[in-house]
């Protein structure tokens, strides 16, 4: 991998089943359970994955989240802080990879993933 790329988009919802049905019917995305309250669509061609997450409430501007696949999350967290950003969600291991969220200086959240 030479260029970081957008690898995952995630929506939060108060009605997981309804959003799943809508997205499946609209785009043909077939979701699978990844964790309690979390469904994921992983395209066979390796394109951008789509997640939907059960949430207690919706907040304006809180969804979707986009994540960028990187080789070294720890290094990216350090770099983000050097550039004026903050760690919004620390590195969290998941299966064979990990994720984190940074807040850009203007407050926008950007996900980082290593799979």
C-alpha atoms as a PDB file:
ATOM      1  CA  UNK A   1       0.000   0.000   0.000  1.00  0.00           C
ATOM      2  CA  UNK A   2       1.498   3.305  -1.026  1.00  0.00           C
ATOM      3  CA  UNK A   3      -1.377   5.774  -0.635  1.00  0.00           C
ATOM      4  CA  UNK A   4      -3.757   5.896   2.336  1.00  0.00           C
ATOM      5  CA  UNK A   5      -7.356   5.462   1.216  1.00  0.00           C
ATOM      6  CA  UNK A   6     -10.901   5.620   2.538  1.00  0.00           C
ATOM      7  CA  UNK A   7     -11.640   2.067   3.648  1.00  0.00           C
ATOM      8  CA  UNK A   8     -14.736   2.223   5.870  1.00  0.00           C
ATOM      9  CA  UNK A   9     -17.881   4.307   6.315  1.00  0.00           C
ATOM     10  CA  UNK A  10     -20.115   3.875   9.348  1.00  0.00           C
ATOM     11  CA  UNK A  11     -23.582   5.114  10.245  1.00  0.00           C
ATOM     12  CA  UNK A  12     -25.095   5.141  13.712  1.00  0.00           C
ATOM     13  CA  UNK A  13     -28.811   4.497  14.107  1.00  0.00           C
ATOM     14  CA  UNK A  14     -31.459   4.057  16.767  1.00  0.00           C
ATOM     15  CA  UNK A  15     -33.139   1.386  14.579  1.00  0.00           C
ATOM     16  CA  UNK A  16     -30.513  -1.074  13.363  1.00  0.00           C
ATOM     17  CA  UNK A  17     -32.930  -3.433  11.605  1.00  0.00           C
ATOM     18  CA  UNK A  18     -34.650  -0.633   9.710  1.00  0.00           C
ATOM     19  CA  UNK A  19     -31.401   0.924   8.464  1.00  0.00           C
ATOM     20  CA  UNK A  20     -30.056  -2.503   7.509  1.00  0.00           C
ATOM     21  CA  UNK A  21     -33.172  -3.255   5.467  1.00  0.00           C
ATOM     22  CA  UNK A  22     -33.073   0.177   3.819  1.00  0.00           C
ATOM     23  CA  UNK A  23     -29.415  -0.069   2.782  1.00  0.00           C
ATOM     24  CA  UNK A  24     -29.776  -3.668   1.644  1.00  0.00           C
ATOM     25  CA  UNK A  25     -32.799  -2.864  -0.449  1.00  0.00           C
ATOM     26  CA  UNK A  26     -31.376   0.362  -1.810  1.00  0.00           C
ATOM     27  CA  UNK A  27     -27.845  -0.779  -2.629  1.00  0.00           C
ATOM     28  CA  UNK A  28     -27.918  -4.581  -2.368  1.00  0.00           C
ATOM     29  CA  UNK A  29     -25.450  -4.585   0.542  1.00  0.00           C
ATOM     30  CA  UNK A  30     -25.706  -7.808   2.576  1.00  0.00           C
ATOM     31  CA  UNK A  31     -24.719  -7.153   6.183  1.00  0.00           C
ATOM     32  CA  UNK A  32     -23.306  -9.610   8.709  1.00  0.00           C
ATOM     33  CA  UNK A  33     -23.130  -9.286  12.483  1.00  0.00           C
ATOM     34  CA  UNK A  34     -19.619  -8.332  13.609  1.00  0.00           C
ATOM     35  CA  UNK A  35     -20.352  -7.568  17.269  1.00  0.00           C
ATOM     36  CA  UNK A  36     -23.467  -6.994  19.391  1.00  0.00           C
ATOM     37  CA  UNK A  37     -25.314  -4.022  17.899  1.00  0.00           C
ATOM     38  CA  UNK A  38     -22.929  -3.793  14.936  1.00  0.00           C
ATOM     39  CA  UNK A  39     -23.412  -4.970  11.357  1.00  0.00           C
ATOM     40  CA  UNK A  40     -20.905  -4.804   8.523  1.00  0.00           C
ATOM     41  CA  UNK A  41     -20.896  -5.135   4.759  1.00  0.00           C
ATOM     42  CA  UNK A  42     -17.549  -6.264   3.339  1.00  0.00           C
ATOM     43  CA  UNK A  43     -17.485  -6.051  -0.469  1.00  0.00           C
ATOM     44  CA  UNK A  44     -16.001  -9.080  -2.175  1.00  0.00           C
ATOM     45  CA  UNK A  45     -13.871  -6.871  -4.433  1.00  0.00           C
ATOM     46  CA  UNK A  46     -12.093  -5.285  -1.459  1.00  0.00           C
ATOM     47  CA  UNK A  47     -13.808  -1.905  -1.780  1.00  0.00           C
ATOM     48  CA  UNK A  48     -14.954   0.326   1.063  1.00  0.00           C
ATOM     49  CA  UNK A  49     -16.655  -1.542   3.916  1.00  0.00           C
ATOM     50  CA  UNK A  50     -19.888  -0.208   5.414  1.00  0.00           C
ATOM     51  CA  UNK A  51     -20.821  -0.486   9.087  1.00  0.00           C
ATOM     52  CA  UNK A  52     -24.019   0.298  10.931  1.00  0.00           C
ATOM     53  CA  UNK A  53     -23.961   0.709  14.671  1.00  0.00           C
ATOM     54  CA  UNK A  54     -26.848   0.630  17.179  1.00  0.00           C
ATOM     55  CA  UNK A  55     -26.979   3.916  19.099  1.00  0.00           C
ATOM     56  CA  UNK A  56     -29.212   5.138  21.925  1.00  0.00           C
ATOM     57  CA  UNK A  57     -29.674   8.512  20.269  1.00  0.00           C
ATOM     58  CA  UNK A  58     -28.951  10.343  17.071  1.00  0.00           C
ATOM     59  CA  UNK A  59     -27.128  13.642  17.080  1.00  0.00           C
ATOM     60  CA  UNK A  60     -26.850  16.080  14.208  1.00  0.00           C
ATOM     61  CA  UNK A  61     -23.549  15.718  12.394  1.00  0.00           C
ATOM     62  CA  UNK A  62     -22.634  12.556  14.309  1.00  0.00           C
ATOM     63  CA  UNK A  63     -22.969  10.146  11.416  1.00  0.00           C
ATOM     64  CA  UNK A  64     -21.457   8.865   9.183  1.00  0.00           C
ATOM     65  CA  UNK A  65     -17.886   8.347  10.260  1.00  0.00           C
ATOM     66  CA  UNK A  66     -15.231   7.677   7.651  1.00  0.00           C
ATOM     67  CA  UNK A  67     -12.048   5.723   8.335  1.00  0.00           C
ATOM     68  CA  UNK A  68      -8.732   5.631   6.529  1.00  0.00           C
ATOM     69  CA  UNK A  69      -6.692   2.444   6.406  1.00  0.00           C
ATOM     70  CA  UNK A  70      -3.128   3.045   7.605  1.00  0.00           C
ATOM     71  CA  UNK A  71      -0.083   0.879   8.242  1.00  0.00           C
ATOM     72  CA  UNK A  72       0.705   2.164  11.754  1.00  0.00           C
ATOM     73  CA  UNK A  73      -2.084   3.574  13.932  1.00  0.00           C
ATOM     74  CA  UNK A  74       0.273   4.546  16.759  1.00  0.00           C
ATOM     75  CA  UNK A  75       2.417   6.650  14.429  1.00  0.00           C
ATOM     76  CA  UNK A  76      -0.666   8.308  12.950  1.00  0.00           C
ATOM     77  CA  UNK A  77      -1.989   9.189  16.425  1.00  0.00           C
ATOM     78  CA  UNK A  78       1.325  10.855  17.250  1.00  0.00           C
ATOM     79  CA  UNK A  79       1.330  12.711  13.950  1.00  0.00           C
ATOM     80  CA  UNK A  80      -2.284  13.855  14.417  1.00  0.00           C
ATOM     81  CA  UNK A  81      -1.426  15.337  17.816  1.00  0.00           C
ATOM     82  CA  UNK A  82       1.643  17.044  16.333  1.00  0.00           C
ATOM     83  CA  UNK A  83      -0.629  18.661  13.754  1.00  0.00           C
ATOM     84  CA  UNK A  84      -3.054  20.009  16.371  1.00  0.00           C
ATOM     85  CA  UNK A  85      -5.515  17.132  16.475  1.00  0.00           C
ATOM     86  CA  UNK A  86      -6.606  15.058  19.445  1.00  0.00           C
ATOM     87  CA  UNK A  87      -7.167  11.381  20.086  1.00  0.00           C
ATOM     88  CA  UNK A  88     -10.953  10.996  20.334  1.00  0.00           C
ATOM     89  CA  UNK A  89     -10.962   7.195  20.700  1.00  0.00           C
ATOM     90  CA  UNK A  90      -7.687   5.498  21.620  1.00  0.00           C
ATOM     91  CA  UNK A  91      -6.325   2.590  19.655  1.00  0.00           C
ATOM     92  CA  UNK A  92      -8.609  -0.377  20.180  1.00  0.00           C
ATOM     93  CA  UNK A  93      -7.711  -3.895  19.110  1.00  0.00           C
ATOM     94  CA  UNK A  94     -10.310  -5.790  17.055  1.00  0.00           C
ATOM     95  CA  UNK A  95      -9.677  -9.266  15.745  1.00  0.00           C
ATOM     96  CA  UNK A  96      -6.460  -9.148  13.748  1.00  0.00           C
ATOM     97  CA  UNK A  97      -6.459  -5.352  13.461  1.00  0.00           C
ATOM     98  CA  UNK A  98      -7.218  -2.181  15.354  1.00  0.00           C
ATOM     99  CA  UNK A  99      -9.004   1.147  15.065  1.00  0.00           C
ATOM    100  CA  UNK A 100      -8.867   4.619  16.586  1.00  0.00           C
ATOM    101  CA  UNK A 101     -10.528   7.988  16.020  1.00  0.00           C
ATOM    102  CA  UNK A 102      -8.824  11.340  15.913  1.00  0.00           C
ATOM    103  CA  UNK A 103     -10.470  14.738  16.122  1.00  0.00           C
ATOM    104  CA  UNK A 104      -9.143  17.213  13.605  1.00  0.00           C
ATOM    105  CA  UNK A 105      -8.436  20.725  14.898  1.00  0.00           C
ATOM    106  CA  UNK A 106     -11.947  21.767  13.774  1.00  0.00           C
ATOM    107  CA  UNK A 107     -13.540  18.850  15.643  1.00  0.00           C
ATOM    108  CA  UNK A 108     -14.292  16.551  12.694  1.00  0.00           C
ATOM    109  CA  UNK A 109     -13.781  12.887  13.533  1.00  0.00           C
ATOM    110  CA  UNK A 110     -11.566  10.757  11.325  1.00  0.00           C
ATOM    111  CA  UNK A 111     -11.275   7.029  11.846  1.00  0.00           C
ATOM    112  CA  UNK A 112      -8.028   5.120  11.450  1.00  0.00           C
ATOM    113  CA  UNK A 113      -7.979   1.390  10.756  1.00  0.00           C
ATOM    114  CA  UNK A 114      -5.344  -1.275  10.446  1.00  0.00           C
ATOM    115  CA  UNK A 115      -6.640  -4.631   9.297  1.00  0.00           C
END
